[in-house]
N, C-alpha and C. Protein backbone atom coordinates (compact mmCIF):
# COMPACT_ATOMS: atom_id res chain seq x y z
N MET A 1 0.85 -1.17 0.00
CA MET A 1 0.00 0.00 0.00
C MET A 1 0.90 1.24 0.00
N TYR A 2 0.44 2.26 -0.69
CA TYR A 2 1.21 3.50 -0.84
C TYR A 2 0.35 4.71 -0.47
N ILE A 3 1.00 5.75 -0.03
CA ILE A 3 0.32 6.99 0.30
C ILE A 3 0.83 8.09 -0.62
N VAL A 4 -0.11 8.81 -1.24
CA VAL A 4 0.20 9.98 -2.04
C VAL A 4 -0.21 11.19 -1.23
N GLY A 5 0.76 12.02 -0.88
CA GLY A 5 0.48 13.25 -0.16
C GLY A 5 0.51 14.41 -1.14
N ILE A 6 -0.50 15.26 -1.07
CA ILE A 6 -0.58 16.39 -2.00
C ILE A 6 -0.81 17.67 -1.21
N ASP A 7 0.03 18.64 -1.44
CA ASP A 7 -0.14 19.99 -0.89
C ASP A 7 -0.68 20.84 -2.04
N ILE A 8 -1.95 21.19 -1.96
CA ILE A 8 -2.62 21.87 -3.06
C ILE A 8 -2.55 23.38 -2.88
N ALA A 9 -2.19 24.05 -3.95
CA ALA A 9 -2.15 25.51 -3.98
C ALA A 9 -3.02 25.98 -5.15
N LYS A 10 -3.04 27.27 -5.38
CA LYS A 10 -3.94 27.82 -6.39
C LYS A 10 -3.54 27.43 -7.81
N PHE A 11 -2.25 27.52 -8.14
CA PHE A 11 -1.81 27.29 -9.51
C PHE A 11 -0.99 26.02 -9.71
N SER A 12 -0.24 25.62 -8.69
CA SER A 12 0.55 24.39 -8.80
C SER A 12 0.57 23.70 -7.44
N HIS A 13 0.87 22.42 -7.46
CA HIS A 13 0.78 21.59 -6.27
C HIS A 13 2.07 20.81 -6.10
N GLN A 14 2.30 20.31 -4.88
CA GLN A 14 3.44 19.45 -4.59
C GLN A 14 2.90 18.08 -4.20
N GLY A 15 3.52 17.05 -4.73
CA GLY A 15 3.13 15.68 -4.40
C GLY A 15 4.32 14.87 -3.95
N ILE A 16 4.05 13.82 -3.21
CA ILE A 16 5.08 12.87 -2.78
C ILE A 16 4.40 11.51 -2.63
N ILE A 17 5.14 10.45 -2.89
CA ILE A 17 4.59 9.10 -2.73
C ILE A 17 5.50 8.33 -1.80
N ILE A 18 4.90 7.74 -0.76
CA ILE A 18 5.66 6.97 0.22
C ILE A 18 5.01 5.61 0.43
N SER A 19 5.81 4.69 0.95
CA SER A 19 5.31 3.37 1.31
C SER A 19 4.58 3.47 2.64
N LYS A 20 3.39 2.91 2.73
CA LYS A 20 2.63 2.93 3.98
C LYS A 20 3.26 2.01 5.01
N GLU A 21 3.90 0.95 4.56
CA GLU A 21 4.47 -0.03 5.47
C GLU A 21 5.68 0.48 6.24
N ASN A 22 6.62 1.15 5.52
CA ASN A 22 7.86 1.54 6.19
C ASN A 22 8.22 3.02 6.04
N GLY A 23 7.38 3.81 5.39
CA GLY A 23 7.63 5.24 5.26
C GLY A 23 8.69 5.61 4.24
N GLU A 24 9.16 4.63 3.47
CA GLU A 24 10.17 4.90 2.44
C GLU A 24 9.60 5.81 1.36
N VAL A 25 10.39 6.82 0.98
CA VAL A 25 9.98 7.73 -0.08
C VAL A 25 10.21 7.02 -1.42
N LEU A 26 9.14 6.81 -2.15
CA LEU A 26 9.22 6.10 -3.43
C LEU A 26 9.28 7.05 -4.61
N CYS A 27 8.76 8.26 -4.43
CA CYS A 27 8.81 9.30 -5.45
C CYS A 27 9.02 10.61 -4.72
N LYS A 28 10.22 11.20 -4.91
CA LYS A 28 10.54 12.45 -4.23
C LYS A 28 9.51 13.52 -4.58
N SER A 29 9.47 14.54 -3.76
CA SER A 29 8.54 15.64 -3.95
C SER A 29 8.62 16.17 -5.39
N PHE A 30 7.45 16.33 -6.00
CA PHE A 30 7.40 16.82 -7.37
C PHE A 30 6.29 17.86 -7.48
N LYS A 31 6.47 18.76 -8.43
CA LYS A 31 5.51 19.83 -8.66
C LYS A 31 4.64 19.47 -9.86
N PHE A 32 3.34 19.74 -9.74
CA PHE A 32 2.46 19.59 -10.90
C PHE A 32 1.45 20.72 -10.91
N HIS A 33 1.09 21.13 -12.10
CA HIS A 33 0.24 22.31 -12.26
C HIS A 33 -1.25 21.95 -12.17
N ASN A 34 -2.03 22.96 -11.90
CA ASN A 34 -3.47 22.83 -11.82
C ASN A 34 -4.05 22.84 -13.24
N SER A 35 -3.83 21.74 -13.94
CA SER A 35 -4.26 21.63 -15.34
C SER A 35 -4.41 20.15 -15.69
N HIS A 36 -4.93 19.90 -16.86
CA HIS A 36 -5.06 18.52 -17.35
C HIS A 36 -3.68 17.85 -17.43
N ASP A 37 -2.69 18.59 -17.96
CA ASP A 37 -1.33 18.05 -18.04
C ASP A 37 -0.76 17.76 -16.66
N GLY A 38 -1.06 18.64 -15.70
CA GLY A 38 -0.59 18.44 -14.34
C GLY A 38 -1.17 17.18 -13.71
N LEU A 39 -2.47 16.95 -13.92
CA LEU A 39 -3.10 15.74 -13.40
C LEU A 39 -2.51 14.51 -14.08
N ASN A 40 -2.24 14.59 -15.37
CA ASN A 40 -1.60 13.48 -16.06
C ASN A 40 -0.22 13.18 -15.50
N LEU A 41 0.54 14.23 -15.13
CA LEU A 41 1.85 14.03 -14.50
C LEU A 41 1.69 13.31 -13.17
N LEU A 42 0.72 13.73 -12.36
CA LEU A 42 0.46 13.06 -11.09
C LEU A 42 0.13 11.58 -11.32
N LEU A 43 -0.73 11.29 -12.26
CA LEU A 43 -1.09 9.90 -12.56
C LEU A 43 0.10 9.10 -13.08
N GLN A 44 0.97 9.74 -13.86
CA GLN A 44 2.19 9.08 -14.36
C GLN A 44 3.09 8.69 -13.19
N LYS A 45 3.26 9.61 -12.24
CA LYS A 45 4.11 9.32 -11.06
C LYS A 45 3.52 8.17 -10.26
N ILE A 46 2.20 8.17 -10.10
CA ILE A 46 1.53 7.09 -9.37
C ILE A 46 1.75 5.76 -10.08
N ARG A 47 1.56 5.74 -11.40
CA ARG A 47 1.71 4.49 -12.16
C ARG A 47 3.15 3.99 -12.21
N GLU A 48 4.13 4.90 -12.04
CA GLU A 48 5.53 4.46 -11.99
C GLU A 48 5.79 3.63 -10.74
N VAL A 49 5.04 3.88 -9.68
CA VAL A 49 5.19 3.11 -8.44
C VAL A 49 4.40 1.81 -8.53
N SER A 50 3.16 1.87 -9.01
CA SER A 50 2.32 0.69 -9.17
C SER A 50 1.21 0.99 -10.17
N PRO A 51 0.94 0.08 -11.10
CA PRO A 51 -0.13 0.33 -12.08
C PRO A 51 -1.54 0.21 -11.49
N ALA A 52 -1.67 -0.38 -10.31
CA ALA A 52 -2.99 -0.58 -9.70
C ALA A 52 -3.33 0.62 -8.82
N ILE A 53 -4.25 1.47 -9.27
CA ILE A 53 -4.63 2.66 -8.50
C ILE A 53 -5.21 2.28 -7.14
N SER A 54 -5.74 1.07 -7.01
CA SER A 54 -6.30 0.63 -5.74
C SER A 54 -5.22 0.41 -4.67
N ASP A 55 -3.94 0.42 -5.06
CA ASP A 55 -2.83 0.29 -4.10
C ASP A 55 -2.54 1.60 -3.37
N PHE A 56 -3.24 2.68 -3.70
CA PHE A 56 -2.91 4.00 -3.19
C PHE A 56 -4.00 4.59 -2.31
N GLU A 57 -3.56 5.35 -1.32
CA GLU A 57 -4.43 6.19 -0.53
C GLU A 57 -3.95 7.62 -0.75
N ILE A 58 -4.86 8.55 -0.91
CA ILE A 58 -4.53 9.93 -1.25
C ILE A 58 -4.86 10.83 -0.08
N GLY A 59 -3.96 11.72 0.27
CA GLY A 59 -4.22 12.71 1.31
C GLY A 59 -3.88 14.09 0.79
N CYS A 60 -4.73 15.06 1.08
CA CYS A 60 -4.52 16.43 0.61
C CYS A 60 -4.58 17.41 1.76
N LEU A 61 -3.78 18.44 1.64
CA LEU A 61 -3.81 19.56 2.56
C LEU A 61 -4.03 20.80 1.70
N SER A 62 -5.10 21.55 1.98
CA SER A 62 -5.42 22.66 1.10
C SER A 62 -6.30 23.69 1.75
N ARG A 63 -6.16 24.92 1.31
CA ARG A 63 -7.13 25.96 1.63
C ARG A 63 -7.99 26.25 0.41
N TYR A 64 -7.71 25.56 -0.69
CA TYR A 64 -8.46 25.73 -1.94
C TYR A 64 -9.39 24.53 -2.11
N PHE A 65 -10.53 24.59 -1.45
CA PHE A 65 -11.44 23.45 -1.37
C PHE A 65 -11.89 22.95 -2.74
N ALA A 66 -12.28 23.84 -3.64
CA ALA A 66 -12.79 23.42 -4.95
C ALA A 66 -11.72 22.69 -5.75
N ILE A 67 -10.48 23.18 -5.71
CA ILE A 67 -9.39 22.52 -6.44
C ILE A 67 -9.14 21.14 -5.84
N SER A 68 -9.13 21.05 -4.52
CA SER A 68 -8.91 19.77 -3.85
C SER A 68 -9.96 18.75 -4.27
N CYS A 69 -11.21 19.15 -4.25
CA CYS A 69 -12.30 18.24 -4.62
C CYS A 69 -12.17 17.79 -6.06
N SER A 70 -11.79 18.69 -6.94
CA SER A 70 -11.65 18.35 -8.35
C SER A 70 -10.56 17.29 -8.55
N ILE A 71 -9.42 17.49 -7.94
CA ILE A 71 -8.32 16.53 -8.06
C ILE A 71 -8.71 15.19 -7.46
N LEU A 72 -9.31 15.22 -6.28
CA LEU A 72 -9.66 13.97 -5.61
C LEU A 72 -10.76 13.21 -6.35
N ARG A 73 -11.71 13.93 -6.94
CA ARG A 73 -12.72 13.25 -7.75
C ARG A 73 -12.06 12.56 -8.94
N SER A 74 -11.04 13.18 -9.49
CA SER A 74 -10.33 12.58 -10.62
C SER A 74 -9.61 11.31 -10.20
N LEU A 75 -9.09 11.29 -8.98
CA LEU A 75 -8.34 10.13 -8.51
C LEU A 75 -9.22 9.08 -7.84
N ARG A 76 -10.42 9.47 -7.41
CA ARG A 76 -11.46 8.56 -6.91
C ARG A 76 -11.18 7.87 -5.58
N LYS A 77 -10.12 8.20 -4.87
CA LYS A 77 -9.86 7.56 -3.60
C LYS A 77 -9.21 8.56 -2.66
N VAL A 78 -9.73 8.66 -1.45
CA VAL A 78 -9.27 9.69 -0.53
C VAL A 78 -8.90 9.04 0.81
N LEU A 79 -7.73 9.37 1.31
CA LEU A 79 -7.35 8.95 2.65
C LEU A 79 -7.85 9.99 3.65
N PHE A 80 -7.50 11.23 3.43
CA PHE A 80 -7.97 12.31 4.28
C PHE A 80 -7.85 13.61 3.51
N MET A 81 -8.57 14.61 3.96
CA MET A 81 -8.45 15.93 3.35
C MET A 81 -8.63 16.95 4.47
N ALA A 82 -7.69 17.84 4.60
CA ALA A 82 -7.79 18.93 5.57
C ALA A 82 -7.98 20.22 4.80
N VAL A 83 -8.92 21.01 5.24
CA VAL A 83 -9.18 22.30 4.61
C VAL A 83 -8.80 23.37 5.62
N LEU A 84 -7.89 24.26 5.22
CA LEU A 84 -7.43 25.33 6.09
C LEU A 84 -8.16 26.62 5.75
N PHE A 85 -8.61 27.33 6.76
CA PHE A 85 -9.30 28.61 6.54
C PHE A 85 -8.46 29.74 7.04
């Protein structure tokens, strides 16, 4: 099982992928934009770790609620989401 952590901002986001079992960083922090190409980059990074999307749990930290929901709906699986005001 893997965890994808996403720090969502207005125009670009930071992601990281770690192993849930031992905390090993499997994909160093990477930047992706708030666009179709950016989401494709995120999915590419996820698939480089494992082709089975069901192997992943997604967590987001954001003050941009609408952007967070859009990305998470695209990925279809949520571990947690924190909304900062």
